[in-house]
């Protein structure tokens, strides 16, 4: 699978995972890999760029958790604005998926 197909949906993917609960980068990347059975792996630099973009848009907040294994982890949490944005993105995805399915699944070639 080409990762560029999913790249446009990273904001929604991260927000969806954070809707389940606060998390930190490494944990989120492992969850993505696990949920996709290893078919999609997100690079650390890409993940942190998404975090920065989402924080700038006030869709997520961050905070430092308790000290573990010598360092504090930075956790991310979805904001009310982020929940509303995710809801919009899910509705938009359903419409796009329906249109794409119409053309790609309806072919006999």
PDB file of N, CA and C in Angstrom:
ATOM      1  N   UNK A   1       0.849  -1.184   0.000  1.00  0.00           N
ATOM      2  CA  UNK A   1       0.000   0.000   0.000  1.00  0.00           C
ATOM      3  C   UNK A   1       0.888   1.240   0.000  1.00  0.00           C
ATOM      4  N   UNK A   2       0.521   2.199  -0.805  1.00  0.00           N
ATOM      5  CA  UNK A   2       1.283   3.445  -0.851  1.00  0.00           C
ATOM      6  C   UNK A   2       0.889   4.303   0.349  1.00  0.00           C
ATOM      7  N   UNK A   3       1.876   4.724   1.111  1.00  0.00           N
ATOM      8  CA  UNK A   3       1.604   5.503   2.319  1.00  0.00           C
ATOM      9  C   UNK A   3       1.054   6.887   2.015  1.00  0.00           C
ATOM     10  N   UNK A   4       1.299   7.402   0.798  1.00  0.00           N
ATOM     11  CA  UNK A   4       0.793   8.735   0.467  1.00  0.00           C
ATOM     12  C   UNK A   4      -0.735   8.757   0.420  1.00  0.00           C
ATOM     13  N   UNK A   5      -1.352   7.613   0.208  1.00  0.00           N
ATOM     14  CA  UNK A   5      -2.811   7.545   0.220  1.00  0.00           C
ATOM     15  C   UNK A   5      -3.333   7.850   1.625  1.00  0.00           C
ATOM     16  N   UNK A   6      -2.649   7.366   2.635  1.00  0.00           N
ATOM     17  CA  UNK A   6      -3.073   7.582   4.018  1.00  0.00           C
ATOM     18  C   UNK A   6      -2.592   8.910   4.588  1.00  0.00           C
ATOM     19  N   UNK A   7      -1.541   9.451   4.030  1.00  0.00           N
ATOM     20  CA  UNK A   7      -0.928  10.663   4.592  1.00  0.00           C
ATOM     21  C   UNK A   7      -1.921  11.808   4.748  1.00  0.00           C
ATOM     22  N   UNK A   8      -2.843  11.945   3.833  1.00  0.00           N
ATOM     23  CA  UNK A   8      -3.838  13.011   3.900  1.00  0.00           C
ATOM     24  C   UNK A   8      -4.856  12.825   5.007  1.00  0.00           C
ATOM     25  N   UNK A   9      -4.819  11.657   5.641  1.00  0.00           N
ATOM     26  CA  UNK A   9      -5.783  11.350   6.692  1.00  0.00           C
ATOM     27  C   UNK A   9      -5.140  11.212   8.073  1.00  0.00           C
ATOM     28  N   UNK A  10      -3.872  11.577   8.162  1.00  0.00           N
ATOM     29  CA  UNK A  10      -3.161  11.406   9.436  1.00  0.00           C
ATOM     30  C   UNK A  10      -3.791  12.196  10.576  1.00  0.00           C
ATOM     31  N   UNK A  11      -4.228  13.421  10.305  1.00  0.00           N
ATOM     32  CA  UNK A  11      -4.853  14.214  11.363  1.00  0.00           C
ATOM     33  C   UNK A  11      -6.057  13.470  11.935  1.00  0.00           C
ATOM     34  N   UNK A  12      -6.898  12.947  11.052  1.00  0.00           N
ATOM     35  CA  UNK A  12      -8.085  12.221  11.493  1.00  0.00           C
ATOM     36  C   UNK A  12      -7.718  10.948  12.240  1.00  0.00           C
ATOM     37  N   UNK A  13      -6.699  10.242  11.765  1.00  0.00           N
ATOM     38  CA  UNK A  13      -6.267   9.009  12.420  1.00  0.00           C
ATOM     39  C   UNK A  13      -5.789   9.296  13.835  1.00  0.00           C
ATOM     40  N   UNK A  14      -4.959  10.316  13.996  1.00  0.00           N
ATOM     41  CA  UNK A  14      -4.429  10.659  15.324  1.00  0.00           C
ATOM     42  C   UNK A  14      -5.554  11.130  16.233  1.00  0.00           C
ATOM     43  N   UNK A  15      -6.429  11.973  15.727  1.00  0.00           N
ATOM     44  CA  UNK A  15      -7.555  12.437  16.548  1.00  0.00           C
ATOM     45  C   UNK A  15      -8.441  11.275  16.976  1.00  0.00           C
ATOM     46  N   UNK A  16      -8.664  10.325  16.066  1.00  0.00           N
ATOM     47  CA  UNK A  16      -9.487   9.163  16.390  1.00  0.00           C
ATOM     48  C   UNK A  16      -8.860   8.342  17.510  1.00  0.00           C
ATOM     49  N   UNK A  17      -7.558   8.162  17.456  1.00  0.00           N
ATOM     50  CA  UNK A  17      -6.878   7.406  18.512  1.00  0.00           C
ATOM     51  C   UNK A  17      -6.920   8.154  19.839  1.00  0.00           C
ATOM     52  N   UNK A  18      -6.750   9.476  19.786  1.00  0.00           N
ATOM     53  CA  UNK A  18      -6.785  10.268  21.020  1.00  0.00           C
ATOM     54  C   UNK A  18      -8.192  10.357  21.599  1.00  0.00           C
ATOM     55  N   UNK A  19      -9.189  10.156  20.766  1.00  0.00           N
ATOM     56  CA  UNK A  19     -10.554  10.117  21.279  1.00  0.00           C
ATOM     57  C   UNK A  19     -10.726   8.950  22.257  1.00  0.00           C
ATOM     58  N   UNK A  20      -9.931   7.899  22.073  1.00  0.00           N
ATOM     59  CA  UNK A  20      -9.964   6.732  22.973  1.00  0.00           C
ATOM     60  C   UNK A  20      -9.305   7.031  24.314  1.00  0.00           C
ATOM     61  N   UNK A  21      -8.404   8.013  24.333  1.00  0.00           N
ATOM     62  CA  UNK A  21      -7.714   8.372  25.563  1.00  0.00           C
ATOM     63  C   UNK A  21      -6.379   9.034  25.277  1.00  0.00           C
ATOM     64  N   UNK A  22      -5.866   9.745  26.252  1.00  0.00           N
ATOM     65  CA  UNK A  22      -4.586  10.437  26.118  1.00  0.00           C
ATOM     66  C   UNK A  22      -3.484   9.419  25.821  1.00  0.00           C
ATOM     67  N   UNK A  23      -2.500   9.863  25.066  1.00  0.00           N
ATOM     68  CA  UNK A  23      -1.413   8.965  24.712  1.00  0.00           C
ATOM     69  C   UNK A  23      -0.177   9.770  24.348  1.00  0.00           C
ATOM     70  N   UNK A  24       0.931   9.063  24.165  1.00  0.00           N
ATOM     71  CA  UNK A  24       2.182   9.693  23.757  1.00  0.00           C
ATOM     72  C   UNK A  24       2.616   9.100  22.419  1.00  0.00           C
ATOM     73  N   UNK A  25       3.569   9.741  21.787  1.00  0.00           N
ATOM     74  CA  UNK A  25       3.944   9.417  20.425  1.00  0.00           C
ATOM     75  C   UNK A  25       4.267   7.960  20.147  1.00  0.00           C
ATOM     76  N   UNK A  26       5.176   7.390  20.918  1.00  0.00           N
ATOM     77  CA  UNK A  26       5.591   6.014  20.669  1.00  0.00           C
ATOM     78  C   UNK A  26       4.407   5.058  20.795  1.00  0.00           C
ATOM     79  N   UNK A  27       3.582   5.280  21.791  1.00  0.00           N
ATOM     80  CA  UNK A  27       2.416   4.432  22.001  1.00  0.00           C
ATOM     81  C   UNK A  27       1.443   4.544  20.811  1.00  0.00           C
ATOM     82  N   UNK A  28       1.235   5.759  20.328  1.00  0.00           N
ATOM     83  CA  UNK A  28       0.353   5.949  19.178  1.00  0.00           C
ATOM     84  C   UNK A  28       0.903   5.263  17.928  1.00  0.00           C
ATOM     85  N   UNK A  29       2.205   5.360  17.708  1.00  0.00           N
ATOM     86  CA  UNK A  29       2.782   4.721  16.516  1.00  0.00           C
ATOM     87  C   UNK A  29       2.644   3.210  16.601  1.00  0.00           C
ATOM     88  N   UNK A  30       2.794   2.647  17.773  1.00  0.00           N
ATOM     89  CA  UNK A  30       2.623   1.198  17.960  1.00  0.00           C
ATOM     90  C   UNK A  30       1.157   0.797  17.771  1.00  0.00           C
ATOM     91  N   UNK A  31       0.248   1.628  18.237  1.00  0.00           N
ATOM     92  CA  UNK A  31      -1.182   1.347  18.067  1.00  0.00           C
ATOM     93  C   UNK A  31      -1.550   1.347  16.593  1.00  0.00           C
ATOM     94  N   UNK A  32      -1.048   2.316  15.841  1.00  0.00           N
ATOM     95  CA  UNK A  32      -1.310   2.379  14.403  1.00  0.00           C
ATOM     96  C   UNK A  32      -0.804   1.115  13.717  1.00  0.00           C
ATOM     97  N   UNK A  33       0.401   0.713  14.053  1.00  0.00           N
ATOM     98  CA  UNK A  33       0.970  -0.493  13.471  1.00  0.00           C
ATOM     99  C   UNK A  33       0.138  -1.724  13.829  1.00  0.00           C
ATOM    100  N   UNK A  34      -0.272  -1.802  15.082  1.00  0.00           N
ATOM    101  CA  UNK A  34      -1.061  -2.954  15.542  1.00  0.00           C
ATOM    102  C   UNK A  34      -2.437  -2.992  14.872  1.00  0.00           C
ATOM    103  N   UNK A  35      -3.126  -1.856  14.833  1.00  0.00           N
ATOM    104  CA  UNK A  35      -4.474  -1.796  14.240  1.00  0.00           C
ATOM    105  C   UNK A  35      -4.444  -2.124  12.750  1.00  0.00           C
ATOM    106  N   UNK A  36      -3.323  -1.852  12.087  1.00  0.00           N
ATOM    107  CA  UNK A  36      -3.227  -2.104  10.648  1.00  0.00           C
ATOM    108  C   UNK A  36      -2.451  -3.389  10.351  1.00  0.00           C
ATOM    109  N   UNK A  37      -2.200  -4.189  11.368  1.00  0.00           N
ATOM    110  CA  UNK A  37      -1.443  -5.442  11.212  1.00  0.00           C
ATOM    111  C   UNK A  37      -0.102  -5.188  10.509  1.00  0.00           C
ATOM    112  N   UNK A  38       0.526  -4.060  10.853  1.00  0.00           N
ATOM    113  CA  UNK A  38       1.831  -3.722  10.305  1.00  0.00           C
ATOM    114  C   UNK A  38       1.821  -3.169   8.892  1.00  0.00           C
ATOM    115  N   UNK A  39       0.655  -2.970   8.304  1.00  0.00           N
ATOM    116  CA  UNK A  39       0.570  -2.466   6.929  1.00  0.00           C
ATOM    117  C   UNK A  39       0.880  -0.975   6.834  1.00  0.00           C
ATOM    118  N   UNK A  40       0.736  -0.278   7.941  1.00  0.00           N
ATOM    119  CA  UNK A  40       1.027   1.152   7.942  1.00  0.00           C
ATOM    120  C   UNK A  40       1.873   1.482   9.165  1.00  0.00           C
ATOM    121  N   UNK A  41       3.049   2.002   8.910  1.00  0.00           N
ATOM    122  CA  UNK A  41       3.966   2.419   9.962  1.00  0.00           C
ATOM    123  C   UNK A  41       4.192   3.916   9.795  1.00  0.00           C
ATOM    124  N   UNK A  42       4.050   4.655  10.876  1.00  0.00           N
ATOM    125  CA  UNK A  42       4.244   6.105  10.799  1.00  0.00           C
ATOM    126  C   UNK A  42       5.622   6.448  11.356  1.00  0.00           C
ATOM    127  N   UNK A  43       6.351   7.227  10.618  1.00  0.00           N
ATOM    128  CA  UNK A  43       7.687   7.633  11.060  1.00  0.00           C
ATOM    129  C   UNK A  43       7.559   8.658  12.175  1.00  0.00           C
ATOM    130  N   UNK A  44       8.528   8.614  13.081  1.00  0.00           N
ATOM    131  CA  UNK A  44       8.502   9.507  14.245  1.00  0.00           C
ATOM    132  C   UNK A  44       8.441  10.977  13.837  1.00  0.00           C
ATOM    133  N   UNK A  45       9.241  11.367  12.868  1.00  0.00           N
ATOM    134  CA  UNK A  45       9.251  12.775  12.423  1.00  0.00           C
ATOM    135  C   UNK A  45       7.887  13.184  11.878  1.00  0.00           C
ATOM    136  N   UNK A  46       7.247  12.290  11.139  1.00  0.00           N
ATOM    137  CA  UNK A  46       5.921  12.565  10.587  1.00  0.00           C
ATOM    138  C   UNK A  46       4.906  12.717  11.701  1.00  0.00           C
ATOM    139  N   UNK A  47       4.974  11.823  12.672  1.00  0.00           N
ATOM    140  CA  UNK A  47       4.044  11.847  13.795  1.00  0.00           C
ATOM    141  C   UNK A  47       4.150  13.153  14.572  1.00  0.00           C
ATOM    142  N   UNK A  48       5.365  13.581  14.857  1.00  0.00           N
ATOM    143  CA  UNK A  48       5.527  14.808  15.627  1.00  0.00           C
ATOM    144  C   UNK A  48       5.153  16.047  14.813  1.00  0.00           C
ATOM    145  N   UNK A  49       5.288  15.985  13.498  1.00  0.00           N
ATOM    146  CA  UNK A  49       4.807  17.082  12.650  1.00  0.00           C
ATOM    147  C   UNK A  49       3.283  17.175  12.726  1.00  0.00           C
ATOM    148  N   UNK A  50       2.617  16.017  12.772  1.00  0.00           N
ATOM    149  CA  UNK A  50       1.156  15.995  12.925  1.00  0.00           C
ATOM    150  C   UNK A  50       0.779  16.595  14.274  1.00  0.00           C
ATOM    151  N   UNK A  51       1.480  16.205  15.335  1.00  0.00           N
ATOM    152  CA  UNK A  51       1.198  16.757  16.669  1.00  0.00           C
ATOM    153  C   UNK A  51       1.312  18.275  16.659  1.00  0.00           C
ATOM    154  N   UNK A  52       2.373  18.789  16.058  1.00  0.00           N
ATOM    155  CA  UNK A  52       2.570  20.244  16.013  1.00  0.00           C
ATOM    156  C   UNK A  52       1.440  20.931  15.254  1.00  0.00           C
ATOM    157  N   UNK A  53       1.056  20.360  14.139  1.00  0.00           N
ATOM    158  CA  UNK A  53      -0.018  20.937  13.333  1.00  0.00           C
ATOM    159  C   UNK A  53      -1.339  20.934  14.105  1.00  0.00           C
ATOM    160  N   UNK A  54      -1.651  19.814  14.763  1.00  0.00           N
ATOM    161  CA  UNK A  54      -2.903  19.704  15.510  1.00  0.00           C
ATOM    162  C   UNK A  54      -2.919  20.637  16.723  1.00  0.00           C
ATOM    163  N   UNK A  55      -1.768  20.792  17.373  1.00  0.00           N
ATOM    164  CA  UNK A  55      -1.699  21.728  18.513  1.00  0.00           C
ATOM    165  C   UNK A  55      -1.883  23.164  18.044  1.00  0.00           C
ATOM    166  N   UNK A  56      -1.264  23.497  16.934  1.00  0.00           N
ATOM    167  CA  UNK A  56      -1.380  24.859  16.403  1.00  0.00           C
ATOM    168  C   UNK A  56      -2.834  25.195  16.074  1.00  0.00           C
ATOM    169  N   UNK A  57      -3.581  24.208  15.593  1.00  0.00           N
ATOM    170  CA  UNK A  57      -4.996  24.399  15.273  1.00  0.00           C
ATOM    171  C   UNK A  57      -5.899  24.249  16.499  1.00  0.00           C
ATOM    172  N   UNK A  58      -5.288  23.989  17.661  1.00  0.00           N
ATOM    173  CA  UNK A  58      -5.994  23.811  18.938  1.00  0.00           C
ATOM    174  C   UNK A  58      -6.928  22.601  18.925  1.00  0.00           C
ATOM    175  N   UNK A  59      -6.556  21.585  18.155  1.00  0.00           N
ATOM    176  CA  UNK A  59      -7.338  20.357  18.096  1.00  0.00           C
ATOM    177  C   UNK A  59      -6.870  19.347  19.140  1.00  0.00           C
ATOM    178  N   UNK A  60      -5.634  19.525  19.607  1.00  0.00           N
ATOM    179  CA  UNK A  60      -5.103  18.721  20.705  1.00  0.00           C
ATOM    180  C   UNK A  60      -4.330  19.629  21.657  1.00  0.00           C
ATOM    181  N   UNK A  61      -4.159  19.147  22.874  1.00  0.00           N
ATOM    182  CA  UNK A  61      -3.288  19.788  23.870  1.00  0.00           C
ATOM    183  C   UNK A  61      -2.248  18.765  24.276  1.00  0.00           C
ATOM    184  N   UNK A  62      -1.174  19.236  24.881  1.00  0.00           N
ATOM    185  CA  UNK A  62      -0.145  18.321  25.367  1.00  0.00           C
ATOM    186  C   UNK A  62       0.205  18.667  26.810  1.00  0.00           C
ATOM    187  N   UNK A  63       0.724  17.675  27.486  1.00  0.00           N
ATOM    188  CA  UNK A  63       1.181  17.847  28.864  1.00  0.00           C
ATOM    189  C   UNK A  63       2.217  16.770  29.156  1.00  0.00           C
ATOM    190  N   UNK A  64       3.026  17.010  30.176  1.00  0.00           N
ATOM    191  CA  UNK A  64       4.023  16.026  30.563  1.00  0.00           C
ATOM    192  C   UNK A  64       3.466  15.141  31.657  1.00  0.00           C
ATOM    193  N   UNK A  65       3.615  13.827  31.465  1.00  0.00           N
ATOM    194  CA  UNK A  65       3.154  12.846  32.432  1.00  0.00           C
ATOM    195  C   UNK A  65       4.198  12.620  33.506  1.00  0.00           C
ATOM    196  N   UNK A  66       3.937  11.643  34.327  1.00  0.00           N
ATOM    197  CA  UNK A  66       4.863  11.293  35.404  1.00  0.00           C
ATOM    198  C   UNK A  66       6.177  10.775  34.831  1.00  0.00           C
ATOM    199  N   UNK A  67       7.210  10.929  35.604  1.00  0.00           N
ATOM    200  CA  UNK A  67       8.539  10.486  35.206  1.00  0.00           C
ATOM    201  C   UNK A  67       8.578   8.952  35.145  1.00  0.00           C
ATOM    202  N   UNK A  68       8.978   8.428  33.977  1.00  0.00           N
ATOM    203  CA  UNK A  68       9.121   6.983  33.827  1.00  0.00           C
ATOM    204  C   UNK A  68      10.435   6.685  33.135  1.00  0.00           C
ATOM    205  N   UNK A  69      11.147   5.723  33.629  1.00  0.00           N
ATOM    206  CA  UNK A  69      12.425   5.291  33.039  1.00  0.00           C
ATOM    207  C   UNK A  69      13.352   6.472  32.768  1.00  0.00           C
ATOM    208  N   UNK A  70      13.423   7.395  33.705  1.00  0.00           N
ATOM    209  CA  UNK A  70      14.380   8.483  33.618  1.00  0.00           C
ATOM    210  C   UNK A  70      13.914   9.735  32.902  1.00  0.00           C
ATOM    211  N   UNK A  71      12.742   9.747  32.333  1.00  0.00           N
ATOM    212  CA  UNK A  71      12.306  10.940  31.624  1.00  0.00           C
ATOM    213  C   UNK A  71      10.799  11.094  31.659  1.00  0.00           C
ATOM    214  N   UNK A  72      10.361  12.304  31.392  1.00  0.00           N
ATOM    215  CA  UNK A  72       8.925  12.562  31.337  1.00  0.00           C
ATOM    216  C   UNK A  72       8.439  12.376  29.905  1.00  0.00           C
ATOM    217  N   UNK A  73       7.287  11.761  29.788  1.00  0.00           N
ATOM    218  CA  UNK A  73       6.679  11.589  28.473  1.00  0.00           C
ATOM    219  C   UNK A  73       5.708  12.729  28.213  1.00  0.00           C
ATOM    220  N   UNK A  74       5.686  13.160  26.961  1.00  0.00           N
ATOM    221  CA  UNK A  74       4.735  14.186  26.563  1.00  0.00           C
ATOM    222  C   UNK A  74       3.482  13.484  26.054  1.00  0.00           C
ATOM    223  N   UNK A  75       2.379  13.746  26.721  1.00  0.00           N
ATOM    224  CA  UNK A  75       1.101  13.144  26.359  1.00  0.00           C
ATOM    225  C   UNK A  75       0.272  14.142  25.569  1.00  0.00           C
ATOM    226  N   UNK A  76      -0.597  13.594  24.749  1.00  0.00           N
ATOM    227  CA  UNK A  76      -1.481  14.411  23.930  1.00  0.00           C
ATOM    228  C   UNK A  76      -2.924  14.037  24.243  1.00  0.00           C
ATOM    229  N   UNK A  77      -3.786  15.047  24.228  1.00  0.00           N
ATOM    230  CA  UNK A  77      -5.197  14.850  24.508  1.00  0.00           C
ATOM    231  C   UNK A  77      -6.014  15.631  23.494  1.00  0.00           C
ATOM    232  N   UNK A  78      -7.127  15.085  23.099  1.00  0.00           N
ATOM    233  CA  UNK A  78      -7.992  15.755  22.124  1.00  0.00           C
ATOM    234  C   UNK A  78      -8.811  16.831  22.839  1.00  0.00           C
ATOM    235  N   UNK A  79      -8.998  17.957  22.193  1.00  0.00           N
ATOM    236  CA  UNK A  79      -9.786  19.060  22.748  1.00  0.00           C
ATOM    237  C   UNK A  79     -11.229  18.947  22.244  1.00  0.00           C
ATOM    238  N   UNK A  80     -12.149  19.709  22.846  1.00  0.00           N
ATOM    239  CA  UNK A  80     -13.518  19.737  22.308  1.00  0.00           C
ATOM    240  C   UNK A  80     -13.554  20.165  20.832  1.00  0.00           C
ATOM    241  N   UNK A  81     -12.713  21.119  20.470  1.00  0.00           N
ATOM    242  CA  UNK A  81     -12.620  21.543  19.076  1.00  0.00           C
ATOM    243  C   UNK A  81     -12.126  20.386  18.201  1.00  0.00           C
ATOM    244  N   UNK A  82     -11.187  19.612  18.733  1.00  0.00           N
ATOM    245  CA  UNK A  82     -10.671  18.444  18.019  1.00  0.00           C
ATOM    246  C   UNK A  82     -11.739  17.386  17.814  1.00  0.00           C
ATOM    247  N   UNK A  83     -12.597  17.195  18.816  1.00  0.00           N
ATOM    248  CA  UNK A  83     -13.696  16.222  18.689  1.00  0.00           C
ATOM    249  C   UNK A  83     -14.676  16.658  17.598  1.00  0.00           C
ATOM    250  N   UNK A  84     -14.987  17.945  17.568  1.00  0.00           N
ATOM    251  CA  UNK A  84     -15.900  18.477  16.553  1.00  0.00           C
ATOM    252  C   UNK A  84     -15.280  18.340  15.159  1.00  0.00           C
ATOM    253  N   UNK A  85     -13.994  18.634  15.049  1.00  0.00           N
ATOM    254  CA  UNK A  85     -13.288  18.515  13.775  1.00  0.00           C
ATOM    255  C   UNK A  85     -13.282  17.055  13.310  1.00  0.00           C
ATOM    256  N   UNK A  86     -13.009  16.139  14.230  1.00  0.00           N
ATOM    257  CA  UNK A  86     -13.005  14.718  13.886  1.00  0.00           C
ATOM    258  C   UNK A  86     -14.370  14.283  13.378  1.00  0.00           C
ATOM    259  N   UNK A  87     -15.415  14.746  14.024  1.00  0.00           N
ATOM    260  CA  UNK A  87     -16.771  14.413  13.598  1.00  0.00           C
ATOM    261  C   UNK A  87     -17.002  14.868  12.151  1.00  0.00           C
ATOM    262  N   UNK A  88     -16.565  16.075  11.831  1.00  0.00           N
ATOM    263  CA  UNK A  88     -16.687  16.598  10.465  1.00  0.00           C
ATOM    264  C   UNK A  88     -15.886  15.753   9.479  1.00  0.00           C
ATOM    265  N   UNK A  89     -14.673  15.372   9.883  1.00  0.00           N
ATOM    266  CA  UNK A  89     -13.813  14.590   9.001  1.00  0.00           C
ATOM    267  C   UNK A  89     -14.390  13.200   8.750  1.00  0.00           C
ATOM    268  N   UNK A  90     -15.014  12.602   9.744  1.00  0.00           N
ATOM    269  CA  UNK A  90     -15.640  11.286   9.575  1.00  0.00           C
ATOM    270  C   UNK A  90     -16.790  11.395   8.575  1.00  0.00           C
ATOM    271  N   UNK A  91     -17.614  12.422   8.718  1.00  0.00           N
ATOM    272  CA  UNK A  91     -18.718  12.620   7.774  1.00  0.00           C
ATOM    273  C   UNK A  91     -18.204  12.866   6.361  1.00  0.00           C
ATOM    274  N   UNK A  92     -17.162  13.673   6.246  1.00  0.00           N
ATOM    275  CA  UNK A  92     -16.570  13.946   4.939  1.00  0.00           C
ATOM    276  C   UNK A  92     -16.013  12.665   4.325  1.00  0.00           C
ATOM    277  N   UNK A  93     -15.329  11.849   5.156  1.00  0.00           N
ATOM    278  CA  UNK A  93     -14.756  10.591   4.674  1.00  0.00           C
ATOM    279  C   UNK A  93     -15.844   9.669   4.136  1.00  0.00           C
ATOM    280  N   UNK A  94     -16.960   9.593   4.813  1.00  0.00           N
ATOM    281  CA  UNK A  94     -18.056   8.735   4.360  1.00  0.00           C
ATOM    282  C   UNK A  94     -18.547   9.155   2.971  1.00  0.00           C
ATOM    283  N   UNK A  95     -18.642  10.455   2.744  1.00  0.00           N
ATOM    284  CA  UNK A  95     -19.073  10.953   1.441  1.00  0.00           C
ATOM    285  C   UNK A  95     -18.042  10.636   0.358  1.00  0.00           C
ATOM    286  N   UNK A  96     -16.772  10.866   0.671  1.00  0.00           N
ATOM    287  CA  UNK A  96     -15.699  10.604  -0.289  1.00  0.00           C
ATOM    288  C   UNK A  96     -15.638   9.108  -0.598  1.00  0.00           C
ATOM    289  N   UNK A  97     -15.728   8.283   0.427  1.00  0.00           N
ATOM    290  CA  UNK A  97     -15.670   6.836   0.251  1.00  0.00           C
ATOM    291  C   UNK A  97     -16.814   6.356  -0.646  1.00  0.00           C
ATOM    292  N   UNK A  98     -17.976   6.893  -0.441  1.00  0.00           N
ATOM    293  CA  UNK A  98     -19.131   6.516  -1.252  1.00  0.00           C
ATOM    294  C   UNK A  98     -18.897   6.853  -2.731  1.00  0.00           C
ATOM    295  N   UNK A  99     -18.354   8.026  -2.979  1.00  0.00           N
ATOM    296  CA  UNK A  99     -18.082   8.450  -4.359  1.00  0.00           C
ATOM    297  C   UNK A  99     -17.009   7.560  -4.994  1.00  0.00           C
ATOM    298  N   UNK A 100     -15.918   7.337  -4.278  1.00  0.00           N
ATOM    299  CA  UNK A 100     -14.839   6.504  -4.813  1.00  0.00           C
ATOM    300  C   UNK A 100     -15.337   5.081  -5.034  1.00  0.00           C
ATOM    301  N   UNK A 101     -16.091   4.534  -4.084  1.00  0.00           N
ATOM    302  CA  UNK A 101     -16.646   3.191  -4.245  1.00  0.00           C
ATOM    303  C   UNK A 101     -17.518   3.091  -5.482  1.00  0.00           C
ATOM    304  N   UNK A 102     -18.285   4.129  -5.751  1.00  0.00           N
ATOM    305  CA  UNK A 102     -19.154   4.144  -6.925  1.00  0.00           C
ATOM    306  C   UNK A 102     -18.356   3.894  -8.198  1.00  0.00           C
ATOM    307  N   UNK A 103     -17.187   4.511  -8.284  1.00  0.00           N
ATOM    308  CA  UNK A 103     -16.384   4.382  -9.500  1.00  0.00           C
ATOM    309  C   UNK A 103     -15.482   3.158  -9.503  1.00  0.00           C
ATOM    310  N   UNK A 104     -14.869   2.852  -8.390  1.00  0.00           N
ATOM    311  CA  UNK A 104     -13.888   1.766  -8.384  1.00  0.00           C
ATOM    312  C   UNK A 104     -14.512   0.389  -8.186  1.00  0.00           C
ATOM    313  N   UNK A 105     -15.537   0.294  -7.401  1.00  0.00           N
ATOM    314  CA  UNK A 105     -16.146  -1.008  -7.138  1.00  0.00           C
ATOM    315  C   UNK A 105     -17.179  -1.361  -8.189  1.00  0.00           C
ATOM    316  N   UNK A 106     -17.590  -0.394  -8.977  1.00  0.00           N
ATOM    317  CA  UNK A 106     -18.608  -0.640  -9.983  1.00  0.00           C
ATOM    318  C   UNK A 106     -18.045  -1.010 -11.335  1.00  0.00           C
ATOM    319  N   UNK A 107     -16.730  -1.165 -11.429  1.00  0.00           N
ATOM    320  CA  UNK A 107     -16.142  -1.480 -12.724  1.00  0.00           C
ATOM    321  C   UNK A 107     -16.120  -2.980 -12.953  1.00  0.00           C
ATOM    322  N   UNK A 108     -16.270  -3.373 -14.191  1.00  0.00           N
ATOM    323  CA  UNK A 108     -16.252  -4.784 -14.562  1.00  0.00           C
ATOM    324  C   UNK A 108     -14.959  -5.150 -15.285  1.00  0.00           C
ATOM    325  N   UNK A 109     -14.026  -4.245 -15.324  1.00  0.00           N
ATOM    326  CA  UNK A 109     -12.786  -4.496 -16.082  1.00  0.00           C
ATOM    327  C   UNK A 109     -11.754  -5.198 -15.267  1.00  0.00           C
TER     328      UNK A 109
END
